[in-house]
Amino acid sequence: GTFSESMEAAFDFSMPTENVPVLDYIKEWWPYRNHPNVLLLHYGEVYKDVPGTLRKLAEFLGLNDISEEDFTEIEKRVSIDFMKSRQDRYLCRFGHDNDKTVFSAKAGIIRKGGVGTSKKHLNEELNQRFEKHLKEKLGDDPELMKWYKERMH
């Protein structure tokens, strides 16, 4: 089928039961976001500034002795290109019992590595369903919704 049909199938599979409960995790951790032992990262922030995020993470973990050479190597190894070159090693499983294989080496789990790229493939109905799903999962906290949405662009 088409990419749009694949998106609809993925949406139908994951949204009703939240097989990948990312939004639940975000909502659960949101009240603790300013706690000194919590570092809440958004993929959009990480994607836009990998070196800065790595340094932020190292500082949070108290890893103050990482050399510039090591930072460069770490940045290389977390890059989309590096992961794509090794994607035959990845198998994405999820579901309530990790019994669903969604991506395999053949299909590829690593796509383009962007932010908000899937949304442009959603038709109006799926966009509306996604917005409804966001509101149901994240609730009415405007600060949380802003944090989530602003980083998706």
C-alpha atoms as a PDB file:
ATOM      1  CA  GLY A   1       0.000   0.000   0.000  1.00  0.00           C
ATOM      2  CA  THR A   2       0.886   3.659   0.029  1.00  0.00           C
ATOM      3  CA  PHE A   3       2.759   5.439   2.797  1.00  0.00           C
ATOM      4  CA  SER A   4      -0.507   7.114   3.835  1.00  0.00           C
ATOM      5  CA  GLU A   5      -2.198   3.726   4.116  1.00  0.00           C
ATOM      6  CA  SER A   6       0.730   2.505   6.215  1.00  0.00           C
ATOM      7  CA  MET A   7       0.382   5.559   8.448  1.00  0.00           C
ATOM      8  CA  GLU A   8      -3.319   4.856   8.908  1.00  0.00           C
ATOM      9  CA  ALA A   9      -2.622   1.207   9.771  1.00  0.00           C
ATOM     10  CA  ALA A  10       0.067   2.237  12.285  1.00  0.00           C
ATOM     11  CA  PHE A  11      -2.273   4.834  13.749  1.00  0.00           C
ATOM     12  CA  ASP A  12      -5.117   2.320  14.057  1.00  0.00           C
ATOM     13  CA  PHE A  13      -2.763  -0.153  15.712  1.00  0.00           C
ATOM     14  CA  SER A  14      -1.046   2.123  18.206  1.00  0.00           C
ATOM     15  CA  MET A  15      -3.502   4.837  19.200  1.00  0.00           C
ATOM     16  CA  PRO A  16      -6.493   2.970  20.665  1.00  0.00           C
ATOM     17  CA  THR A  17      -4.490   0.967  23.190  1.00  0.00           C
ATOM     18  CA  GLU A  18      -1.382   3.147  23.205  1.00  0.00           C
ATOM     19  CA  ASN A  19       0.887   0.196  22.501  1.00  0.00           C
ATOM     20  CA  VAL A  20       3.738   2.672  22.656  1.00  0.00           C
ATOM     21  CA  PRO A  21       2.700   4.708  25.722  1.00  0.00           C
ATOM     22  CA  VAL A  22       4.931   7.723  25.116  1.00  0.00           C
ATOM     23  CA  LEU A  23       2.201  10.208  25.971  1.00  0.00           C
ATOM     24  CA  ASP A  24       1.467   8.369  29.227  1.00  0.00           C
ATOM     25  CA  TYR A  25       5.156   8.580  30.158  1.00  0.00           C
ATOM     26  CA  ILE A  26       5.236  12.288  29.394  1.00  0.00           C
ATOM     27  CA  LYS A  27       2.138  13.007  31.451  1.00  0.00           C
ATOM     28  CA  GLU A  28       3.382  10.899  34.372  1.00  0.00           C
ATOM     29  CA  TRP A  29       6.772  12.601  34.450  1.00  0.00           C
ATOM     30  CA  TRP A  30       5.556  16.142  33.705  1.00  0.00           C
ATOM     31  CA  PRO A  31       4.931  17.068  37.368  1.00  0.00           C
ATOM     32  CA  TYR A  32       8.547  16.116  38.169  1.00  0.00           C
ATOM     33  CA  ARG A  33      10.179  17.942  35.249  1.00  0.00           C
ATOM     34  CA  ASN A  34      11.856  20.509  37.507  1.00  0.00           C
ATOM     35  CA  HIS A  35      13.058  17.989  40.087  1.00  0.00           C
ATOM     36  CA  PRO A  36      16.876  17.937  40.267  1.00  0.00           C
ATOM     37  CA  ASN A  37      16.950  14.167  39.638  1.00  0.00           C
ATOM     38  CA  VAL A  38      14.802  14.324  36.481  1.00  0.00           C
ATOM     39  CA  LEU A  39      15.874  15.330  32.999  1.00  0.00           C
ATOM     40  CA  LEU A  40      12.869  15.485  30.692  1.00  0.00           C
ATOM     41  CA  LEU A  41      13.996  15.532  27.071  1.00  0.00           C
ATOM     42  CA  HIS A  42      11.882  15.898  23.958  1.00  0.00           C
ATOM     43  CA  TYR A  43      13.010  14.230  20.735  1.00  0.00           C
ATOM     44  CA  GLY A  44      12.505  17.541  18.926  1.00  0.00           C
ATOM     45  CA  GLU A  45      15.042  19.230  21.188  1.00  0.00           C
ATOM     46  CA  VAL A  46      17.485  16.346  20.928  1.00  0.00           C
ATOM     47  CA  TYR A  47      17.188  16.239  17.137  1.00  0.00           C
ATOM     48  CA  LYS A  48      17.779  19.966  16.735  1.00  0.00           C
ATOM     49  CA  ASP A  49      20.828  20.058  19.006  1.00  0.00           C
ATOM     50  CA  VAL A  50      22.501  16.680  19.439  1.00  0.00           C
ATOM     51  CA  PRO A  51      25.851  18.060  20.688  1.00  0.00           C
ATOM     52  CA  GLY A  52      24.124  20.363  23.176  1.00  0.00           C
ATOM     53  CA  THR A  53      21.870  17.559  24.371  1.00  0.00           C
ATOM     54  CA  LEU A  54      24.825  15.217  24.852  1.00  0.00           C
ATOM     55  CA  ARG A  55      26.586  17.825  26.968  1.00  0.00           C
ATOM     56  CA  LYS A  56      23.398  18.503  28.934  1.00  0.00           C
ATOM     57  CA  LEU A  57      22.985  14.772  29.556  1.00  0.00           C
ATOM     58  CA  ALA A  58      26.619  14.351  30.576  1.00  0.00           C
ATOM     59  CA  GLU A  59      26.334  17.272  33.000  1.00  0.00           C
ATOM     60  CA  PHE A  60      23.082  15.869  34.421  1.00  0.00           C
ATOM     61  CA  LEU A  61      24.777  12.503  34.991  1.00  0.00           C
ATOM     62  CA  GLY A  62      27.859  14.126  36.525  1.00  0.00           C
ATOM     63  CA  LEU A  63      30.140  12.953  33.714  1.00  0.00           C
ATOM     64  CA  ASN A  64      32.462  15.933  33.680  1.00  0.00           C
ATOM     65  CA  ASP A  65      35.578  14.263  32.287  1.00  0.00           C
ATOM     66  CA  ILE A  66      34.395  13.374  28.764  1.00  0.00           C
ATOM     67  CA  SER A  67      36.948  14.541  26.221  1.00  0.00           C
ATOM     68  CA  GLU A  68      36.076  16.442  23.044  1.00  0.00           C
ATOM     69  CA  GLU A  69      37.231  13.402  21.088  1.00  0.00           C
ATOM     70  CA  ASP A  70      34.803  11.182  23.004  1.00  0.00           C
ATOM     71  CA  PHE A  71      31.945  13.652  22.541  1.00  0.00           C
ATOM     72  CA  THR A  72      32.642  13.609  18.805  1.00  0.00           C
ATOM     73  CA  GLU A  73      32.564   9.802  18.757  1.00  0.00           C
ATOM     74  CA  ILE A  74      29.358   9.661  20.811  1.00  0.00           C
ATOM     75  CA  GLU A  75      27.710  12.197  18.514  1.00  0.00           C
ATOM     76  CA  LYS A  76      28.694  10.072  15.512  1.00  0.00           C
ATOM     77  CA  ARG A  77      27.258   6.915  17.091  1.00  0.00           C
ATOM     78  CA  VAL A  78      23.891   8.477  17.932  1.00  0.00           C
ATOM     79  CA  SER A  79      23.492   9.934  14.445  1.00  0.00           C
ATOM     80  CA  ILE A  80      20.760   8.805  12.080  1.00  0.00           C
ATOM     81  CA  ASP A  81      23.370   7.894   9.462  1.00  0.00           C
ATOM     82  CA  PHE A  82      25.257   5.650  11.898  1.00  0.00           C
ATOM     83  CA  MET A  83      22.066   3.936  13.038  1.00  0.00           C
ATOM     84  CA  LYS A  84      20.899   3.474   9.443  1.00  0.00           C
ATOM     85  CA  SER A  85      24.209   1.823   8.576  1.00  0.00           C
ATOM     86  CA  ARG A  86      23.560  -0.737  11.334  1.00  0.00           C
ATOM     87  CA  GLN A  87      19.800  -1.120  11.185  1.00  0.00           C
ATOM     88  CA  ASP A  88      20.073  -4.809  10.380  1.00  0.00           C
ATOM     89  CA  ARG A  89      20.847  -5.138  14.104  1.00  0.00           C
ATOM     90  CA  TYR A  90      17.571  -3.570  15.211  1.00  0.00           C
ATOM     91  CA  LEU A  91      14.219  -5.179  15.724  1.00  0.00           C
ATOM     92  CA  CYS A  92      11.378  -3.068  17.026  1.00  0.00           C
ATOM     93  CA  ARG A  93       8.890  -4.967  19.129  1.00  0.00           C
ATOM     94  CA  PHE A  94       6.086  -3.563  21.169  1.00  0.00           C
ATOM     95  CA  GLY A  95       2.631  -4.368  22.345  1.00  0.00           C
ATOM     96  CA  HIS A  96       1.463  -5.366  25.760  1.00  0.00           C
ATOM     97  CA  ASP A  97       3.659  -8.482  25.721  1.00  0.00           C
ATOM     98  CA  ASN A  98       6.256  -7.284  23.207  1.00  0.00           C
ATOM     99  CA  ASP A  99       4.554  -9.656  20.821  1.00  0.00           C
ATOM    100  CA  LYS A 100       4.185  -7.310  17.856  1.00  0.00           C
ATOM    101  CA  THR A 101       7.010  -6.868  15.374  1.00  0.00           C
ATOM    102  CA  VAL A 102       6.466  -3.573  13.679  1.00  0.00           C
ATOM    103  CA  PHE A 103       9.730  -2.945  11.929  1.00  0.00           C
ATOM    104  CA  SER A 104      12.382  -5.395  10.904  1.00  0.00           C
ATOM    105  CA  ALA A 105      15.726  -5.036   9.163  1.00  0.00           C
ATOM    106  CA  LYS A 106      13.962  -5.446   5.828  1.00  0.00           C
ATOM    107  CA  ALA A 107      11.451  -2.654   6.424  1.00  0.00           C
ATOM    108  CA  GLY A 108      13.868  -0.531   8.396  1.00  0.00           C
ATOM    109  CA  ILE A 109      13.200   0.987  11.760  1.00  0.00           C
ATOM    110  CA  ILE A 110      15.318   4.077  11.052  1.00  0.00           C
ATOM    111  CA  ARG A 111      13.626   6.424   8.626  1.00  0.00           C
ATOM    112  CA  LYS A 112      14.714  10.013   8.042  1.00  0.00           C
ATOM    113  CA  GLY A 113      15.244  11.185  11.569  1.00  0.00           C
ATOM    114  CA  GLY A 114      13.189  14.319  11.489  1.00  0.00           C
ATOM    115  CA  VAL A 115      10.668  16.103  13.615  1.00  0.00           C
ATOM    116  CA  GLY A 116       7.030  16.311  12.612  1.00  0.00           C
ATOM    117  CA  THR A 117       7.589  14.440   9.348  1.00  0.00           C
ATOM    118  CA  SER A 118       4.814  11.911   9.865  1.00  0.00           C
ATOM    119  CA  LYS A 119       2.168  14.567  10.433  1.00  0.00           C
ATOM    120  CA  LYS A 120       2.379  15.800   6.864  1.00  0.00           C
ATOM    121  CA  HIS A 121       1.426  12.287   5.734  1.00  0.00           C
ATOM    122  CA  LEU A 122      -1.742  12.249   7.823  1.00  0.00           C
ATOM    123  CA  ASN A 123      -4.984  13.143   6.110  1.00  0.00           C
ATOM    124  CA  GLU A 124      -7.432  15.517   7.800  1.00  0.00           C
ATOM    125  CA  GLU A 125      -9.287  12.692   9.564  1.00  0.00           C
ATOM    126  CA  LEU A 126      -6.076  11.246  11.030  1.00  0.00           C
ATOM    127  CA  ASN A 127      -4.902  14.715  12.063  1.00  0.00           C
ATOM    128  CA  GLN A 128      -8.177  15.238  13.922  1.00  0.00           C
ATOM    129  CA  ARG A 129      -7.941  11.799  15.537  1.00  0.00           C
ATOM    130  CA  PHE A 130      -4.375  12.535  16.598  1.00  0.00           C
ATOM    131  CA  GLU A 131      -5.362  15.889  18.126  1.00  0.00           C
ATOM    132  CA  LYS A 132      -8.216  14.207  20.024  1.00  0.00           C
ATOM    133  CA  HIS A 133      -5.837  11.494  21.190  1.00  0.00           C
ATOM    134  CA  LEU A 134      -3.328  14.111  22.400  1.00  0.00           C
ATOM    135  CA  LYS A 135      -5.993  15.901  24.395  1.00  0.00           C
ATOM    136  CA  GLU A 136      -7.248  12.629  25.911  1.00  0.00           C
ATOM    137  CA  LYS A 137      -3.730  11.542  26.894  1.00  0.00           C
ATOM    138  CA  LEU A 138      -2.132  14.829  27.927  1.00  0.00           C
ATOM    139  CA  GLY A 139      -5.207  16.496  29.373  1.00  0.00           C
ATOM    140  CA  ASP A 140      -5.898  20.198  29.654  1.00  0.00           C
ATOM    141  CA  ASP A 141      -2.536  21.410  30.921  1.00  0.00           C
ATOM    142  CA  PRO A 142      -1.703  24.199  28.442  1.00  0.00           C
ATOM    143  CA  GLU A 143       1.976  24.274  29.459  1.00  0.00           C
ATOM    144  CA  LEU A 144       2.368  20.547  28.823  1.00  0.00           C
ATOM    145  CA  MET A 145       0.560  20.728  25.486  1.00  0.00           C
ATOM    146  CA  LYS A 146       2.716  23.704  24.444  1.00  0.00           C
ATOM    147  CA  TRP A 147       5.915  21.868  25.469  1.00  0.00           C
ATOM    148  CA  TYR A 148       4.892  18.807  23.467  1.00  0.00           C
ATOM    149  CA  LYS A 149       3.653  20.585  20.337  1.00  0.00           C
ATOM    150  CA  GLU A 150       6.284  23.332  20.012  1.00  0.00           C
ATOM    151  CA  ARG A 151       9.041  20.747  19.858  1.00  0.00           C
ATOM    152  CA  MET A 152       7.354  18.782  17.089  1.00  0.00           C
ATOM    153  CA  HIS A 153       8.266  21.351  14.429  1.00  0.00           C
END
